Amino acid sequence: MFSTLITAAGDVVHAVAVAIPNPGQGEAPPGAAQLEKMLRWVAWVVFGLCVAGVLIAAGRMAVMHRNGEGGAHASGLAWVAAACILAGSASALVGALIG
């Protein structure tokens, strides 16, 4: 079930990414290099948080399994997966909305 969800999400991201127009070789505005640098830092932090979220969800899963609370971790893992998909497809989503 989870692999089907991931596959469907990947298909959606791919379809959106294919539809993004290429803006060409336009001239960047002054200060664009600093903005791109800041966005790369933000992306790095967000992806780090996504990895941390997966590890925390895995830890909660192990603790809950040990305590006999099976399945209670599924919603947390789903939210982390949704955040990872959203972070990974942020550029494609914005490009689709603007273009």
N, C-alpha and C. Protein backbone atom coordinates (compact mmCIF):
# COMPACT_ATOMS: atom_id res chain seq x y z
N MET A 1 0.82 -1.18 0.00
CA MET A 1 0.00 0.00 0.00
C MET A 1 0.87 1.26 0.00
N PHE A 2 1.88 1.28 0.89
CA PHE A 2 2.74 2.45 0.98
C PHE A 2 3.55 2.63 -0.30
N SER A 3 4.02 1.52 -0.87
CA SER A 3 4.79 1.62 -2.10
C SER A 3 3.92 2.12 -3.25
N THR A 4 2.65 1.76 -3.26
CA THR A 4 1.73 2.25 -4.28
C THR A 4 1.55 3.76 -4.15
N LEU A 5 1.44 4.23 -2.89
CA LEU A 5 1.30 5.66 -2.64
C LEU A 5 2.54 6.41 -3.09
N ILE A 6 3.71 5.88 -2.78
CA ILE A 6 4.97 6.52 -3.19
C ILE A 6 5.08 6.53 -4.71
N THR A 7 4.72 5.44 -5.36
CA THR A 7 4.77 5.38 -6.82
C THR A 7 3.82 6.39 -7.45
N ALA A 8 2.61 6.51 -6.90
CA ALA A 8 1.64 7.47 -7.43
C ALA A 8 2.14 8.90 -7.22
N ALA A 9 2.73 9.18 -6.06
CA ALA A 9 3.27 10.51 -5.80
C ALA A 9 4.42 10.81 -6.76
N GLY A 10 5.25 9.83 -7.02
CA GLY A 10 6.35 10.01 -7.98
C GLY A 10 5.85 10.30 -9.38
N ASP A 11 4.77 9.62 -9.78
CA ASP A 11 4.18 9.87 -11.10
C ASP A 11 3.64 11.29 -11.20
N VAL A 12 3.01 11.77 -10.12
CA VAL A 12 2.48 13.14 -10.12
C VAL A 12 3.62 14.15 -10.21
N VAL A 13 4.66 13.94 -9.41
CA VAL A 13 5.80 14.85 -9.43
C VAL A 13 6.45 14.86 -10.81
N HIS A 14 6.58 13.69 -11.43
CA HIS A 14 7.18 13.62 -12.76
C HIS A 14 6.32 14.35 -13.79
N ALA A 15 5.00 14.18 -13.71
CA ALA A 15 4.10 14.85 -14.65
C ALA A 15 4.18 16.36 -14.50
N VAL A 16 4.28 16.84 -13.26
CA VAL A 16 4.40 18.29 -13.03
C VAL A 16 5.75 18.78 -13.51
N ALA A 17 6.81 18.03 -13.24
CA ALA A 17 8.16 18.45 -13.64
C ALA A 17 8.30 18.53 -15.15
N VAL A 18 7.66 17.64 -15.88
CA VAL A 18 7.74 17.65 -17.34
C VAL A 18 7.05 18.89 -17.90
N ALA A 19 6.01 19.38 -17.22
CA ALA A 19 5.23 20.51 -17.71
C ALA A 19 5.86 21.87 -17.40
N ILE A 20 6.98 21.92 -16.70
CA ILE A 20 7.59 23.19 -16.33
C ILE A 20 8.25 23.82 -17.55
N PRO A 21 7.88 25.05 -17.88
CA PRO A 21 8.50 25.70 -19.03
C PRO A 21 9.93 26.14 -18.73
N ASN A 22 10.74 26.21 -19.75
CA ASN A 22 12.12 26.67 -19.61
C ASN A 22 12.14 28.18 -19.86
N PRO A 23 12.52 28.98 -18.86
CA PRO A 23 12.50 30.43 -19.05
C PRO A 23 13.57 30.95 -19.99
N GLY A 24 14.48 30.11 -20.41
CA GLY A 24 15.51 30.55 -21.34
C GLY A 24 16.71 31.15 -20.61
N GLN A 25 17.50 31.89 -21.35
CA GLN A 25 18.72 32.47 -20.82
C GLN A 25 18.52 33.93 -20.45
N GLY A 26 17.46 34.25 -19.76
CA GLY A 26 17.20 35.62 -19.35
C GLY A 26 18.25 36.11 -18.37
N GLU A 27 18.29 37.42 -18.21
CA GLU A 27 19.26 38.02 -17.31
C GLU A 27 18.71 38.02 -15.89
N ALA A 28 19.52 37.56 -14.96
CA ALA A 28 19.11 37.53 -13.56
C ALA A 28 19.17 38.93 -12.97
N PRO A 29 18.25 39.26 -12.08
CA PRO A 29 18.27 40.59 -11.46
C PRO A 29 19.44 40.72 -10.48
N PRO A 30 19.80 41.95 -10.14
CA PRO A 30 20.89 42.14 -9.16
C PRO A 30 20.53 41.48 -7.83
N GLY A 31 21.49 40.83 -7.23
CA GLY A 31 21.26 40.17 -5.95
C GLY A 31 20.71 38.76 -6.07
N ALA A 32 20.56 38.27 -7.28
CA ALA A 32 19.99 36.93 -7.46
C ALA A 32 20.90 35.85 -6.89
N ALA A 33 22.19 36.06 -6.94
CA ALA A 33 23.12 35.06 -6.42
C ALA A 33 22.93 34.86 -4.92
N GLN A 34 22.72 35.96 -4.19
CA GLN A 34 22.51 35.85 -2.75
C GLN A 34 21.18 35.16 -2.44
N LEU A 35 20.15 35.45 -3.23
CA LEU A 35 18.86 34.80 -3.03
C LEU A 35 18.96 33.30 -3.29
N GLU A 36 19.65 32.93 -4.36
CA GLU A 36 19.83 31.51 -4.67
C GLU A 36 20.62 30.81 -3.57
N LYS A 37 21.63 31.49 -3.04
CA LYS A 37 22.42 30.92 -1.95
C LYS A 37 21.56 30.69 -0.72
N MET A 38 20.70 31.66 -0.39
CA MET A 38 19.81 31.52 0.76
C MET A 38 18.82 30.37 0.54
N LEU A 39 18.27 30.26 -0.67
CA LEU A 39 17.33 29.18 -0.97
C LEU A 39 18.00 27.81 -0.88
N ARG A 40 19.26 27.72 -1.30
CA ARG A 40 19.99 26.45 -1.18
C ARG A 40 20.19 26.09 0.29
N TRP A 41 20.48 27.09 1.14
CA TRP A 41 20.63 26.83 2.57
C TRP A 41 19.30 26.36 3.17
N VAL A 42 18.22 27.03 2.81
CA VAL A 42 16.90 26.65 3.32
C VAL A 42 16.57 25.22 2.87
N ALA A 43 16.84 24.90 1.61
CA ALA A 43 16.57 23.55 1.11
C ALA A 43 17.40 22.53 1.87
N TRP A 44 18.65 22.85 2.14
CA TRP A 44 19.52 21.94 2.88
C TRP A 44 18.95 21.67 4.27
N VAL A 45 18.51 22.72 4.95
CA VAL A 45 17.93 22.57 6.29
C VAL A 45 16.64 21.75 6.23
N VAL A 46 15.79 22.04 5.25
CA VAL A 46 14.52 21.32 5.14
C VAL A 46 14.76 19.84 4.87
N PHE A 47 15.68 19.50 3.98
CA PHE A 47 15.95 18.09 3.71
C PHE A 47 16.58 17.41 4.92
N GLY A 48 17.38 18.14 5.68
CA GLY A 48 17.91 17.60 6.94
C GLY A 48 16.80 17.30 7.93
N LEU A 49 15.82 18.22 8.01
CA LEU A 49 14.68 18.00 8.89
C LEU A 49 13.83 16.81 8.42
N CYS A 50 13.73 16.62 7.11
CA CYS A 50 13.00 15.46 6.59
C CYS A 50 13.68 14.16 7.01
N VAL A 51 14.99 14.12 6.91
CA VAL A 51 15.73 12.92 7.34
C VAL A 51 15.53 12.72 8.84
N ALA A 52 15.62 13.80 9.61
CA ALA A 52 15.41 13.70 11.06
C ALA A 52 13.99 13.20 11.36
N GLY A 53 13.01 13.69 10.61
CA GLY A 53 11.64 13.25 10.81
C GLY A 53 11.46 11.77 10.56
N VAL A 54 12.10 11.26 9.52
CA VAL A 54 12.01 9.82 9.23
C VAL A 54 12.67 9.02 10.36
N LEU A 55 13.82 9.49 10.83
CA LEU A 55 14.51 8.79 11.91
C LEU A 55 13.70 8.83 13.21
N ILE A 56 13.07 9.96 13.51
CA ILE A 56 12.23 10.06 14.70
C ILE A 56 11.03 9.13 14.58
N ALA A 57 10.40 9.11 13.41
CA ALA A 57 9.26 8.21 13.19
C ALA A 57 9.69 6.75 13.35
N ALA A 58 10.87 6.41 12.88
CA ALA A 58 11.37 5.05 13.02
C ALA A 58 11.63 4.72 14.50
N GLY A 59 12.18 5.67 15.22
CA GLY A 59 12.40 5.46 16.66
C GLY A 59 11.09 5.28 17.41
N ARG A 60 10.10 6.12 17.10
CA ARG A 60 8.78 5.99 17.74
C ARG A 60 8.17 4.63 17.39
N MET A 61 8.36 4.20 16.15
CA MET A 61 7.83 2.91 15.71
C MET A 61 8.44 1.79 16.55
N ALA A 62 9.74 1.85 16.78
CA ALA A 62 10.41 0.81 17.55
C ALA A 62 9.95 0.82 19.00
N VAL A 63 9.82 2.01 19.60
CA VAL A 63 9.39 2.10 20.99
C VAL A 63 7.95 1.62 21.14
N MET A 64 7.08 2.03 20.23
CA MET A 64 5.68 1.62 20.31
C MET A 64 5.52 0.12 20.09
N HIS A 65 6.34 -0.44 19.21
CA HIS A 65 6.30 -1.89 18.99
C HIS A 65 6.72 -2.62 20.26
N ARG A 66 7.76 -2.10 20.90
CA ARG A 66 8.25 -2.72 22.13
C ARG A 66 7.20 -2.66 23.23
N ASN A 67 6.41 -1.57 23.27
CA ASN A 67 5.37 -1.41 24.29
C ASN A 67 4.06 -2.08 23.90
N GLY A 68 4.01 -2.70 22.73
CA GLY A 68 2.81 -3.39 22.30
C GLY A 68 1.75 -2.49 21.70
N GLU A 69 2.14 -1.30 21.27
CA GLU A 69 1.21 -0.35 20.65
C GLU A 69 1.44 -0.35 19.15
N GLY A 70 1.02 -1.36 18.47
CA GLY A 70 1.24 -1.46 17.04
C GLY A 70 0.36 -0.52 16.25
N GLY A 71 0.87 0.04 15.19
CA GLY A 71 0.09 0.84 14.26
C GLY A 71 -0.16 2.29 14.65
N ALA A 72 0.13 2.67 15.88
CA ALA A 72 -0.13 4.04 16.32
C ALA A 72 0.83 5.04 15.68
N HIS A 73 1.90 4.57 15.11
CA HIS A 73 2.91 5.43 14.51
C HIS A 73 2.61 5.75 13.03
N ALA A 74 1.63 5.08 12.45
CA ALA A 74 1.40 5.19 11.01
C ALA A 74 1.06 6.62 10.58
N SER A 75 0.27 7.33 11.35
CA SER A 75 -0.09 8.69 10.94
C SER A 75 1.12 9.61 10.98
N GLY A 76 1.98 9.46 11.97
CA GLY A 76 3.20 10.27 12.04
C GLY A 76 4.11 10.02 10.85
N LEU A 77 4.24 8.75 10.49
CA LEU A 77 5.07 8.40 9.34
C LEU A 77 4.46 8.95 8.05
N ALA A 78 3.13 8.92 7.95
CA ALA A 78 2.47 9.47 6.76
C ALA A 78 2.70 10.97 6.64
N TRP A 79 2.64 11.70 7.77
CA TRP A 79 2.89 13.14 7.72
C TRP A 79 4.33 13.45 7.34
N VAL A 80 5.27 12.66 7.85
CA VAL A 80 6.68 12.85 7.48
C VAL A 80 6.87 12.57 6.00
N ALA A 81 6.26 11.51 5.48
CA ALA A 81 6.36 11.19 4.06
C ALA A 81 5.76 12.30 3.21
N ALA A 82 4.62 12.84 3.64
CA ALA A 82 4.00 13.95 2.90
C ALA A 82 4.91 15.17 2.89
N ALA A 83 5.55 15.47 4.01
CA ALA A 83 6.47 16.60 4.08
C ALA A 83 7.67 16.38 3.16
N CYS A 84 8.18 15.16 3.12
CA CYS A 84 9.32 14.85 2.24
C CYS A 84 8.93 15.01 0.77
N ILE A 85 7.75 14.55 0.42
CA ILE A 85 7.29 14.68 -0.97
C ILE A 85 7.11 16.14 -1.33
N LEU A 86 6.51 16.91 -0.42
CA LEU A 86 6.30 18.33 -0.67
C LEU A 86 7.63 19.08 -0.80
N ALA A 87 8.57 18.78 0.07
CA ALA A 87 9.88 19.45 0.01
C ALA A 87 10.62 19.06 -1.27
N GLY A 88 10.53 17.81 -1.66
CA GLY A 88 11.22 17.36 -2.87
C GLY A 88 10.63 17.91 -4.15
N SER A 89 9.34 18.21 -4.12
CA SER A 89 8.69 18.71 -5.32
C SER A 89 8.36 20.20 -5.26
N ALA A 90 8.94 20.92 -4.32
CA ALA A 90 8.63 22.33 -4.14
C ALA A 90 8.90 23.15 -5.41
N SER A 91 10.04 22.94 -6.01
CA SER A 91 10.39 23.69 -7.21
C SER A 91 9.42 23.39 -8.34
N ALA A 92 9.08 22.12 -8.52
CA ALA A 92 8.16 21.74 -9.59
C ALA A 92 6.76 22.31 -9.34
N LEU A 93 6.32 22.29 -8.08
CA LEU A 93 5.00 22.82 -7.75
C LEU A 93 4.91 24.31 -8.01
N VAL A 94 5.92 25.05 -7.57
CA VAL A 94 5.93 26.51 -7.80
C VAL A 94 6.00 26.81 -9.29
N GLY A 95 6.84 26.07 -10.01
CA GLY A 95 6.94 26.28 -11.45
C GLY A 95 5.61 26.02 -12.16
N ALA A 96 4.89 25.01 -11.69
CA ALA A 96 3.59 24.70 -12.32
C ALA A 96 2.55 25.77 -12.01
N LEU A 97 2.60 26.31 -10.80
CA LEU A 97 1.64 27.35 -10.42
C LEU A 97 1.92 28.69 -11.12
N ILE A 98 3.18 29.01 -11.27
CA ILE A 98 3.55 30.29 -11.91
C ILE A 98 3.41 30.19 -13.42
N GLY A 99 3.86 29.08 -13.99
CA GLY A 99 3.85 28.92 -15.44
C GLY A 99 2.52 28.54 -15.90
